[in-house]
Amino acid sequence: MSERIVKTDEEWRQALDPETYRVTRQAGTERPFSHPGFPNGPGHYECVCCGARLFDGDTKFESHCGWPSFSRPGGGIDEHRDISHGMIRTEVRCHRCDAHLGHVFPDGPPPTGLRYCINGVALRFVPDT
């Protein structure tokens, strides 16, 4: 695993557009169905803030929830209990830079039964070359 990335709030503001900053650094959520789809094909998804590999392309599935969904992580994520908004959820963050990515729910497809519901602005697709 790569070395942890630590930046000041001002450095993150300078590096990211306002929506990506709000979602990844302030634990926001983008509007459902607001992020354009990612290309199909072999590849992986990385953290838009630091480039850490997060999900393999073959774990992405269409959940019709309005956000990109994955059945399992393919790299460095951390999971934390989230009790905000009057509910108990499991938050997903990038292990390398602590970016808020989204949440994981127990309603995904087999074999994991998990749905990693991730904000599209937090991801970058990298095709296999």
N, C-alpha and C. Protein backbone atom coordinates (compact mmCIF):
# COMPACT_ATOMS: atom_id res chain seq x y z
N MET A 1 0.86 -1.18 0.00
CA MET A 1 0.00 0.00 0.00
C MET A 1 0.90 1.23 0.00
N SER A 2 0.51 2.22 -0.75
CA SER A 2 1.28 3.45 -0.85
C SER A 2 1.20 4.26 0.44
N GLU A 3 2.11 5.17 0.57
CA GLU A 3 2.18 6.04 1.73
C GLU A 3 0.92 6.91 1.83
N ARG A 4 0.51 7.20 3.06
CA ARG A 4 -0.68 8.02 3.29
C ARG A 4 -0.45 9.43 2.75
N ILE A 5 -1.52 10.01 2.22
CA ILE A 5 -1.50 11.38 1.70
C ILE A 5 -2.19 12.28 2.71
N VAL A 6 -1.49 13.30 3.15
CA VAL A 6 -2.07 14.26 4.09
C VAL A 6 -1.87 15.66 3.50
N LYS A 7 -2.97 16.38 3.35
CA LYS A 7 -2.94 17.77 2.86
C LYS A 7 -3.79 18.63 3.77
N THR A 8 -3.51 19.91 3.77
CA THR A 8 -4.35 20.83 4.52
C THR A 8 -5.67 21.01 3.78
N ASP A 9 -6.65 21.52 4.48
CA ASP A 9 -7.94 21.79 3.86
C ASP A 9 -7.77 22.73 2.66
N GLU A 10 -6.94 23.72 2.79
CA GLU A 10 -6.71 24.67 1.68
C GLU A 10 -6.05 23.97 0.49
N GLU A 11 -5.14 23.07 0.74
CA GLU A 11 -4.51 22.33 -0.36
C GLU A 11 -5.54 21.48 -1.09
N TRP A 12 -6.46 20.84 -0.36
CA TRP A 12 -7.52 20.05 -1.02
C TRP A 12 -8.43 20.98 -1.81
N ARG A 13 -8.78 22.13 -1.27
CA ARG A 13 -9.64 23.09 -1.99
C ARG A 13 -9.01 23.52 -3.31
N GLN A 14 -7.70 23.72 -3.30
CA GLN A 14 -6.99 24.12 -4.51
C GLN A 14 -6.91 22.99 -5.54
N ALA A 15 -6.82 21.76 -5.07
CA ALA A 15 -6.62 20.61 -5.96
C ALA A 15 -7.90 20.08 -6.58
N LEU A 16 -9.05 20.33 -5.95
CA LEU A 16 -10.31 19.72 -6.37
C LEU A 16 -11.33 20.76 -6.80
N ASP A 17 -12.23 20.37 -7.71
CA ASP A 17 -13.33 21.27 -8.05
C ASP A 17 -14.29 21.30 -6.86
N PRO A 18 -15.16 22.32 -6.78
CA PRO A 18 -16.01 22.48 -5.59
C PRO A 18 -16.88 21.27 -5.25
N GLU A 19 -17.47 20.60 -6.23
CA GLU A 19 -18.33 19.45 -5.95
C GLU A 19 -17.51 18.27 -5.45
N THR A 20 -16.39 18.01 -6.06
CA THR A 20 -15.53 16.91 -5.62
C THR A 20 -15.00 17.18 -4.22
N TYR A 21 -14.65 18.42 -3.93
CA TYR A 21 -14.21 18.79 -2.58
C TYR A 21 -15.33 18.55 -1.58
N ARG A 22 -16.53 19.00 -1.89
CA ARG A 22 -17.67 18.85 -0.97
C ARG A 22 -17.93 17.38 -0.66
N VAL A 23 -17.91 16.55 -1.69
CA VAL A 23 -18.20 15.12 -1.50
C VAL A 23 -17.05 14.41 -0.78
N THR A 24 -15.83 14.56 -1.28
CA THR A 24 -14.72 13.75 -0.76
C THR A 24 -14.12 14.27 0.53
N ARG A 25 -14.12 15.57 0.73
CA ARG A 25 -13.46 16.13 1.91
C ARG A 25 -14.45 16.52 3.01
N GLN A 26 -15.74 16.71 2.64
CA GLN A 26 -16.75 17.09 3.63
C GLN A 26 -17.84 16.03 3.79
N ALA A 27 -17.59 14.84 3.29
CA ALA A 27 -18.52 13.70 3.40
C ALA A 27 -19.89 14.02 2.81
N GLY A 28 -19.89 14.69 1.68
CA GLY A 28 -21.14 15.00 0.99
C GLY A 28 -21.60 13.83 0.13
N THR A 29 -22.72 14.04 -0.52
CA THR A 29 -23.26 13.06 -1.47
C THR A 29 -23.70 13.80 -2.72
N GLU A 30 -23.27 13.30 -3.87
CA GLU A 30 -23.74 13.90 -5.12
C GLU A 30 -25.19 13.47 -5.35
N ARG A 31 -25.90 14.25 -6.14
CA ARG A 31 -27.28 13.90 -6.45
C ARG A 31 -27.33 12.59 -7.22
N PRO A 32 -28.33 11.74 -6.94
CA PRO A 32 -28.43 10.48 -7.68
C PRO A 32 -28.60 10.74 -9.18
N PHE A 33 -28.02 9.90 -9.98
CA PHE A 33 -28.08 9.95 -11.45
C PHE A 33 -27.45 11.22 -12.02
N SER A 34 -26.63 11.92 -11.23
CA SER A 34 -26.02 13.17 -11.70
C SER A 34 -24.65 12.98 -12.31
N HIS A 35 -24.04 11.82 -12.10
CA HIS A 35 -22.70 11.60 -12.62
C HIS A 35 -22.79 10.78 -13.90
N PRO A 36 -22.10 11.22 -14.96
CA PRO A 36 -22.15 10.45 -16.20
C PRO A 36 -21.57 9.06 -16.01
N GLY A 37 -22.04 8.13 -16.81
CA GLY A 37 -21.57 6.75 -16.71
C GLY A 37 -20.11 6.61 -17.05
N PHE A 38 -19.51 5.57 -16.54
CA PHE A 38 -18.12 5.28 -16.85
C PHE A 38 -18.08 4.36 -18.06
N PRO A 39 -16.98 4.41 -18.83
CA PRO A 39 -16.90 3.53 -19.99
C PRO A 39 -16.92 2.06 -19.58
N ASN A 40 -17.42 1.23 -20.49
CA ASN A 40 -17.39 -0.21 -20.27
C ASN A 40 -16.04 -0.75 -20.70
N GLY A 41 -15.71 -1.90 -20.18
CA GLY A 41 -14.47 -2.53 -20.58
C GLY A 41 -13.58 -2.80 -19.40
N PRO A 42 -12.51 -3.53 -19.63
CA PRO A 42 -11.60 -3.89 -18.56
C PRO A 42 -10.89 -2.65 -18.00
N GLY A 43 -10.72 -2.64 -16.71
CA GLY A 43 -10.03 -1.54 -16.06
C GLY A 43 -10.30 -1.56 -14.57
N HIS A 44 -9.96 -0.45 -13.93
CA HIS A 44 -10.21 -0.31 -12.50
C HIS A 44 -10.58 1.13 -12.19
N TYR A 45 -11.05 1.32 -10.98
CA TYR A 45 -11.46 2.64 -10.50
C TYR A 45 -10.53 3.07 -9.39
N GLU A 46 -10.07 4.31 -9.48
CA GLU A 46 -9.16 4.82 -8.47
C GLU A 46 -9.73 6.07 -7.82
N CYS A 47 -9.16 6.41 -6.67
CA CYS A 47 -9.57 7.61 -5.93
C CYS A 47 -9.18 8.84 -6.73
N VAL A 48 -10.13 9.74 -6.94
CA VAL A 48 -9.86 10.94 -7.70
C VAL A 48 -8.92 11.89 -6.94
N CYS A 49 -8.85 11.74 -5.64
CA CYS A 49 -8.00 12.62 -4.83
C CYS A 49 -6.53 12.20 -4.84
N CYS A 50 -6.27 10.89 -4.80
CA CYS A 50 -4.88 10.45 -4.62
C CYS A 50 -4.43 9.36 -5.59
N GLY A 51 -5.34 8.80 -6.37
CA GLY A 51 -4.96 7.77 -7.33
C GLY A 51 -4.88 6.36 -6.78
N ALA A 52 -5.28 6.14 -5.53
CA ALA A 52 -5.26 4.79 -4.97
C ALA A 52 -6.26 3.90 -5.70
N ARG A 53 -5.88 2.67 -5.96
CA ARG A 53 -6.78 1.70 -6.61
C ARG A 53 -7.84 1.29 -5.60
N LEU A 54 -9.12 1.39 -6.00
CA LEU A 54 -10.23 1.13 -5.08
C LEU A 54 -11.10 -0.06 -5.49
N PHE A 55 -11.50 -0.13 -6.76
CA PHE A 55 -12.42 -1.17 -7.23
C PHE A 55 -11.99 -1.66 -8.60
N ASP A 56 -12.12 -2.96 -8.83
CA ASP A 56 -11.86 -3.53 -10.15
C ASP A 56 -13.13 -3.39 -10.99
N GLY A 57 -12.92 -3.16 -12.28
CA GLY A 57 -14.05 -2.94 -13.18
C GLY A 57 -15.03 -4.09 -13.24
N ASP A 58 -14.56 -5.31 -13.05
CA ASP A 58 -15.46 -6.46 -13.15
C ASP A 58 -16.36 -6.62 -11.92
N THR A 59 -16.21 -5.77 -10.92
CA THR A 59 -17.08 -5.83 -9.74
C THR A 59 -18.18 -4.78 -9.79
N LYS A 60 -18.17 -3.95 -10.84
CA LYS A 60 -19.20 -2.91 -11.00
C LYS A 60 -20.48 -3.56 -11.51
N PHE A 61 -21.62 -3.11 -10.98
CA PHE A 61 -22.90 -3.62 -11.46
C PHE A 61 -23.93 -2.51 -11.41
N GLU A 62 -25.01 -2.70 -12.14
CA GLU A 62 -26.08 -1.70 -12.20
C GLU A 62 -27.10 -2.00 -11.11
N SER A 63 -27.14 -1.13 -10.11
CA SER A 63 -28.07 -1.33 -8.99
C SER A 63 -29.30 -0.45 -9.12
N HIS A 64 -29.29 0.48 -10.08
CA HIS A 64 -30.40 1.40 -10.31
C HIS A 64 -30.65 2.31 -9.11
N CYS A 65 -29.61 2.56 -8.32
CA CYS A 65 -29.76 3.43 -7.15
C CYS A 65 -29.35 4.86 -7.46
N GLY A 66 -28.69 5.10 -8.60
CA GLY A 66 -28.29 6.45 -8.96
C GLY A 66 -26.82 6.75 -8.76
N TRP A 67 -26.07 5.79 -8.19
CA TRP A 67 -24.64 5.94 -7.98
C TRP A 67 -23.93 4.69 -8.48
N PRO A 68 -22.66 4.80 -8.86
CA PRO A 68 -21.92 3.59 -9.23
C PRO A 68 -21.91 2.59 -8.08
N SER A 69 -22.10 1.33 -8.39
CA SER A 69 -22.15 0.27 -7.36
C SER A 69 -21.16 -0.83 -7.69
N PHE A 70 -20.56 -1.37 -6.64
CA PHE A 70 -19.55 -2.42 -6.76
C PHE A 70 -19.86 -3.50 -5.74
N SER A 71 -19.52 -4.76 -6.08
CA SER A 71 -19.82 -5.87 -5.18
C SER A 71 -18.72 -6.14 -4.16
N ARG A 72 -17.51 -5.63 -4.42
CA ARG A 72 -16.42 -5.80 -3.45
C ARG A 72 -15.32 -4.80 -3.77
N PRO A 73 -14.55 -4.42 -2.76
CA PRO A 73 -13.42 -3.51 -3.02
C PRO A 73 -12.28 -4.26 -3.69
N GLY A 74 -11.49 -3.52 -4.42
CA GLY A 74 -10.33 -4.12 -5.08
C GLY A 74 -9.04 -3.51 -4.59
N GLY A 75 -9.14 -2.74 -3.54
CA GLY A 75 -7.94 -2.07 -3.05
C GLY A 75 -8.17 -1.41 -1.71
N GLY A 76 -7.50 -0.31 -1.52
CA GLY A 76 -7.40 0.32 -0.21
C GLY A 76 -8.57 1.16 0.22
N ILE A 77 -9.52 0.53 0.87
CA ILE A 77 -10.61 1.29 1.47
C ILE A 77 -10.68 0.98 2.96
N ASP A 78 -11.22 1.92 3.69
CA ASP A 78 -11.51 1.74 5.10
C ASP A 78 -13.01 1.88 5.28
N GLU A 79 -13.56 1.15 6.23
CA GLU A 79 -14.99 1.23 6.54
C GLU A 79 -15.16 1.73 7.97
N HIS A 80 -16.11 2.65 8.15
CA HIS A 80 -16.36 3.27 9.44
C HIS A 80 -17.86 3.32 9.72
N ARG A 81 -18.23 3.20 10.96
CA ARG A 81 -19.63 3.35 11.36
C ARG A 81 -20.03 4.81 11.20
N ASP A 82 -21.17 5.03 10.57
CA ASP A 82 -21.69 6.38 10.30
C ASP A 82 -23.08 6.47 10.90
N ILE A 83 -23.26 7.34 11.88
CA ILE A 83 -24.57 7.49 12.52
C ILE A 83 -25.20 8.84 12.18
N SER A 84 -24.70 9.49 11.14
CA SER A 84 -25.27 10.77 10.72
C SER A 84 -26.64 10.56 10.06
N HIS A 85 -27.39 11.60 9.94
CA HIS A 85 -28.68 11.60 9.25
C HIS A 85 -29.70 10.65 9.87
N GLY A 86 -29.56 10.38 11.17
CA GLY A 86 -30.56 9.57 11.87
C GLY A 86 -30.61 8.10 11.51
N MET A 87 -29.52 7.57 10.96
CA MET A 87 -29.49 6.15 10.59
C MET A 87 -28.10 5.60 10.85
N ILE A 88 -27.99 4.30 10.90
CA ILE A 88 -26.70 3.64 11.06
C ILE A 88 -26.31 3.05 9.72
N ARG A 89 -25.14 3.50 9.23
CA ARG A 89 -24.63 3.02 7.95
C ARG A 89 -23.15 2.73 8.09
N THR A 90 -22.57 2.13 7.07
CA THR A 90 -21.13 1.91 7.03
C THR A 90 -20.56 2.81 5.94
N GLU A 91 -19.77 3.77 6.36
CA GLU A 91 -19.13 4.70 5.44
C GLU A 91 -17.88 4.06 4.84
N VAL A 92 -17.59 4.39 3.59
CA VAL A 92 -16.41 3.90 2.89
C VAL A 92 -15.51 5.10 2.61
N ARG A 93 -14.24 4.98 3.02
CA ARG A 93 -13.24 6.03 2.81
C ARG A 93 -12.00 5.44 2.15
N CYS A 94 -11.27 6.27 1.44
CA CYS A 94 -10.00 5.87 0.85
C CYS A 94 -8.97 5.71 1.97
N HIS A 95 -8.30 4.57 1.98
CA HIS A 95 -7.30 4.31 3.01
C HIS A 95 -6.11 5.26 2.88
N ARG A 96 -5.77 5.64 1.68
CA ARG A 96 -4.56 6.43 1.45
C ARG A 96 -4.73 7.91 1.79
N CYS A 97 -5.89 8.51 1.46
CA CYS A 97 -6.05 9.95 1.67
C CYS A 97 -7.27 10.33 2.51
N ASP A 98 -8.03 9.33 2.96
CA ASP A 98 -9.20 9.53 3.82
C ASP A 98 -10.36 10.24 3.10
N ALA A 99 -10.40 10.16 1.77
CA ALA A 99 -11.52 10.75 1.03
C ALA A 99 -12.79 9.97 1.30
N HIS A 100 -13.89 10.68 1.53
CA HIS A 100 -15.21 10.04 1.64
C HIS A 100 -15.59 9.56 0.24
N LEU A 101 -15.94 8.27 0.15
CA LEU A 101 -16.32 7.69 -1.13
C LEU A 101 -17.81 7.42 -1.23
N GLY A 102 -18.42 6.94 -0.16
CA GLY A 102 -19.82 6.58 -0.15
C GLY A 102 -20.11 5.67 1.02
N HIS A 103 -20.98 4.67 0.79
CA HIS A 103 -21.38 3.74 1.84
C HIS A 103 -21.51 2.33 1.27
N VAL A 104 -21.47 1.34 2.16
CA VAL A 104 -21.67 -0.05 1.75
C VAL A 104 -22.93 -0.57 2.43
N PHE A 105 -23.74 -1.31 1.67
CA PHE A 105 -25.01 -1.84 2.15
C PHE A 105 -25.07 -3.34 1.91
N PRO A 106 -25.84 -4.06 2.73
CA PRO A 106 -25.93 -5.52 2.61
C PRO A 106 -27.01 -6.00 1.65
N ASP A 107 -27.18 -5.31 0.52
CA ASP A 107 -28.24 -5.69 -0.43
C ASP A 107 -27.70 -5.87 -1.85
N GLY A 108 -26.45 -6.30 -1.95
CA GLY A 108 -25.82 -6.49 -3.26
C GLY A 108 -25.97 -7.91 -3.78
N PRO A 109 -25.39 -8.15 -4.94
CA PRO A 109 -25.50 -9.47 -5.57
C PRO A 109 -24.56 -10.50 -4.95
N PRO A 110 -24.83 -11.79 -5.21
CA PRO A 110 -23.90 -12.83 -4.77
C PRO A 110 -22.56 -12.64 -5.50
N PRO A 111 -21.48 -13.11 -5.03
CA PRO A 111 -21.37 -13.93 -3.84
C PRO A 111 -21.20 -13.12 -2.55
N THR A 112 -20.94 -11.82 -2.63
CA THR A 112 -20.67 -11.05 -1.41
C THR A 112 -21.94 -10.56 -0.72
N GLY A 113 -22.99 -10.30 -1.50
CA GLY A 113 -24.20 -9.72 -0.93
C GLY A 113 -24.04 -8.27 -0.55
N LEU A 114 -22.95 -7.64 -1.00
CA LEU A 114 -22.67 -6.25 -0.65
C LEU A 114 -22.84 -5.32 -1.84
N ARG A 115 -23.23 -4.10 -1.54
CA ARG A 115 -23.34 -3.04 -2.56
C ARG A 115 -22.56 -1.83 -2.06
N TYR A 116 -21.37 -1.64 -2.63
CA TYR A 116 -20.59 -0.45 -2.35
C TYR A 116 -21.15 0.66 -3.24
N CYS A 117 -21.88 1.56 -2.63
CA CYS A 117 -22.57 2.65 -3.31
C CYS A 117 -21.65 3.87 -3.24
N ILE A 118 -21.03 4.22 -4.36
CA ILE A 118 -19.93 5.17 -4.35
C ILE A 118 -20.27 6.41 -5.20
N ASN A 119 -19.93 7.58 -4.68
CA ASN A 119 -20.12 8.81 -5.43
C ASN A 119 -19.23 8.80 -6.67
N GLY A 120 -19.84 9.07 -7.82
CA GLY A 120 -19.09 9.06 -9.07
C GLY A 120 -17.98 10.10 -9.11
N VAL A 121 -18.19 11.26 -8.47
CA VAL A 121 -17.15 12.30 -8.50
C VAL A 121 -15.92 11.90 -7.69
N ALA A 122 -16.02 10.85 -6.88
CA ALA A 122 -14.88 10.38 -6.08
C ALA A 122 -14.02 9.38 -6.84
N LEU A 123 -14.46 8.98 -8.04
CA LEU A 123 -13.78 7.92 -8.79
C LEU A 123 -13.24 8.41 -10.13
N ARG A 124 -12.18 7.73 -10.56
CA ARG A 124 -11.65 7.92 -11.90
C ARG A 124 -11.48 6.51 -12.48
N PHE A 125 -12.00 6.29 -13.69
CA PHE A 125 -11.84 5.01 -14.37
C PHE A 125 -10.51 4.98 -15.11
N VAL A 126 -9.78 3.89 -14.94
CA VAL A 126 -8.50 3.70 -15.62
C VAL A 126 -8.61 2.41 -16.44
N PRO A 127 -8.68 2.53 -17.78
CA PRO A 127 -8.78 1.32 -18.60
C PRO A 127 -7.48 0.53 -18.57
N ASP A 128 -7.62 -0.80 -18.69
CA ASP A 128 -6.43 -1.65 -18.83
C ASP A 128 -5.78 -1.34 -20.16
N THR A 129 -4.48 -1.36 -20.17
CA THR A 129 -3.76 -1.08 -21.44
C THR A 129 -3.10 -2.31 -21.98
